[in-house]
Amino acid sequence: MITPLSLAEANLSELIQIPYLKRKEAEQIIAYRTQKGQISIAILSELFPESPNKIARLKLYLY
């Protein structure tokens, strides 16, 4: 069973445990969240526009 992580609260070590997310991508998520103060699943499409399938897979692990 997959326990989804909060995209707004997950730390780097939690994010890199997601099979479809590379460390550099996890760092991008945290940098965006730190800079903007918030993040959502919809923002992931903007961060990773070349990977629509990745976003669909990440939705299984993040909320």
C-alpha atoms as a PDB file:
ATOM      1  CA  MET A   1       0.000   0.000   0.000  1.00  0.00           C
ATOM      2  CA  ILE A   2       1.286   3.441  -0.923  1.00  0.00           C
ATOM      3  CA  THR A   3       1.006   6.165   1.690  1.00  0.00           C
ATOM      4  CA  PRO A   4       0.881   9.478  -0.181  1.00  0.00           C
ATOM      5  CA  LEU A   5       3.129  12.288   1.004  1.00  0.00           C
ATOM      6  CA  SER A   6       2.118  15.912   1.321  1.00  0.00           C
ATOM      7  CA  LEU A   7       3.796  17.802  -1.491  1.00  0.00           C
ATOM      8  CA  ALA A   8       3.758  20.900   0.717  1.00  0.00           C
ATOM      9  CA  GLU A   9       5.513  19.197   3.631  1.00  0.00           C
ATOM     10  CA  ALA A  10       7.670  16.328   2.321  1.00  0.00           C
ATOM     11  CA  ASN A  11      11.391  16.758   2.849  1.00  0.00           C
ATOM     12  CA  LEU A  12      14.160  15.870   0.409  1.00  0.00           C
ATOM     13  CA  SER A  13      14.814  12.420   1.855  1.00  0.00           C
ATOM     14  CA  GLU A  14      11.113  11.539   1.585  1.00  0.00           C
ATOM     15  CA  LEU A  15      10.831  12.833  -1.973  1.00  0.00           C
ATOM     16  CA  ILE A  16      13.846  10.920  -3.263  1.00  0.00           C
ATOM     17  CA  GLN A  17      12.245   7.704  -2.019  1.00  0.00           C
ATOM     18  CA  ILE A  18       9.563   8.072  -4.716  1.00  0.00           C
ATOM     19  CA  PRO A  19      10.542   5.695  -7.545  1.00  0.00           C
ATOM     20  CA  TYR A  20       9.765   8.106 -10.400  1.00  0.00           C
ATOM     21  CA  LEU A  21      11.490  11.143  -8.908  1.00  0.00           C
ATOM     22  CA  LYS A  22      15.202  11.830  -9.274  1.00  0.00           C
ATOM     23  CA  ARG A  23      17.161  13.726  -6.644  1.00  0.00           C
ATOM     24  CA  LYS A  24      17.570  16.766  -8.904  1.00  0.00           C
ATOM     25  CA  GLU A  25      13.805  16.874  -9.477  1.00  0.00           C
ATOM     26  CA  ALA A  26      13.128  16.573  -5.745  1.00  0.00           C
ATOM     27  CA  GLU A  27      15.511  19.472  -5.187  1.00  0.00           C
ATOM     28  CA  GLN A  28      13.607  21.507  -7.806  1.00  0.00           C
ATOM     29  CA  ILE A  29      10.347  20.858  -5.967  1.00  0.00           C
ATOM     30  CA  ILE A  30      11.809  21.966  -2.647  1.00  0.00           C
ATOM     31  CA  ALA A  31      13.441  25.036  -4.211  1.00  0.00           C
ATOM     32  CA  TYR A  32      10.142  26.062  -5.828  1.00  0.00           C
ATOM     33  CA  ARG A  33       8.250  25.501  -2.585  1.00  0.00           C
ATOM     34  CA  THR A  34      10.835  27.497  -0.613  1.00  0.00           C
ATOM     35  CA  GLN A  35      10.802  30.369  -3.098  1.00  0.00           C
ATOM     36  CA  LYS A  36       7.032  30.580  -3.664  1.00  0.00           C
ATOM     37  CA  GLY A  37       5.833  29.445  -0.246  1.00  0.00           C
ATOM     38  CA  GLN A  38       3.458  26.863  -1.676  1.00  0.00           C
ATOM     39  CA  ILE A  39       3.216  24.138  -4.287  1.00  0.00           C
ATOM     40  CA  SER A  40       0.558  21.905  -5.795  1.00  0.00           C
ATOM     41  CA  ILE A  41       0.362  18.916  -8.094  1.00  0.00           C
ATOM     42  CA  ALA A  42      -0.619  21.288 -10.923  1.00  0.00           C
ATOM     43  CA  ILE A  43       2.703  23.108 -10.516  1.00  0.00           C
ATOM     44  CA  LEU A  44       4.565  19.867 -11.214  1.00  0.00           C
ATOM     45  CA  SER A  45       3.328  20.093 -14.807  1.00  0.00           C
ATOM     46  CA  GLU A  46       5.108  23.437 -15.065  1.00  0.00           C
ATOM     47  CA  LEU A  47       8.289  22.143 -13.413  1.00  0.00           C
ATOM     48  CA  PHE A  48       8.444  19.008 -15.581  1.00  0.00           C
ATOM     49  CA  PRO A  49       6.646  19.896 -18.856  1.00  0.00           C
ATOM     50  CA  GLU A  50       8.541  17.254 -20.845  1.00  0.00           C
ATOM     51  CA  SER A  51       7.224  14.431 -18.642  1.00  0.00           C
ATOM     52  CA  PRO A  52       3.409  14.243 -18.564  1.00  0.00           C
ATOM     53  CA  ASN A  53       3.527  10.518 -17.770  1.00  0.00           C
ATOM     54  CA  LYS A  54       5.788  11.241 -14.803  1.00  0.00           C
ATOM     55  CA  ILE A  55       3.207  13.629 -13.363  1.00  0.00           C
ATOM     56  CA  ALA A  56       0.503  10.966 -13.576  1.00  0.00           C
ATOM     57  CA  ARG A  57       2.749   8.506 -11.739  1.00  0.00           C
ATOM     58  CA  LEU A  58       3.756  11.040  -9.091  1.00  0.00           C
ATOM     59  CA  LYS A  59       0.087  11.654  -8.278  1.00  0.00           C
ATOM     60  CA  LEU A  60       0.052   8.144  -6.812  1.00  0.00           C
ATOM     61  CA  TYR A  61       2.679   9.165  -4.245  1.00  0.00           C
ATOM     62  CA  LEU A  62       1.872  12.828  -3.545  1.00  0.00           C
ATOM     63  CA  TYR A  63      -1.101  14.888  -2.581  1.00  0.00           C
END
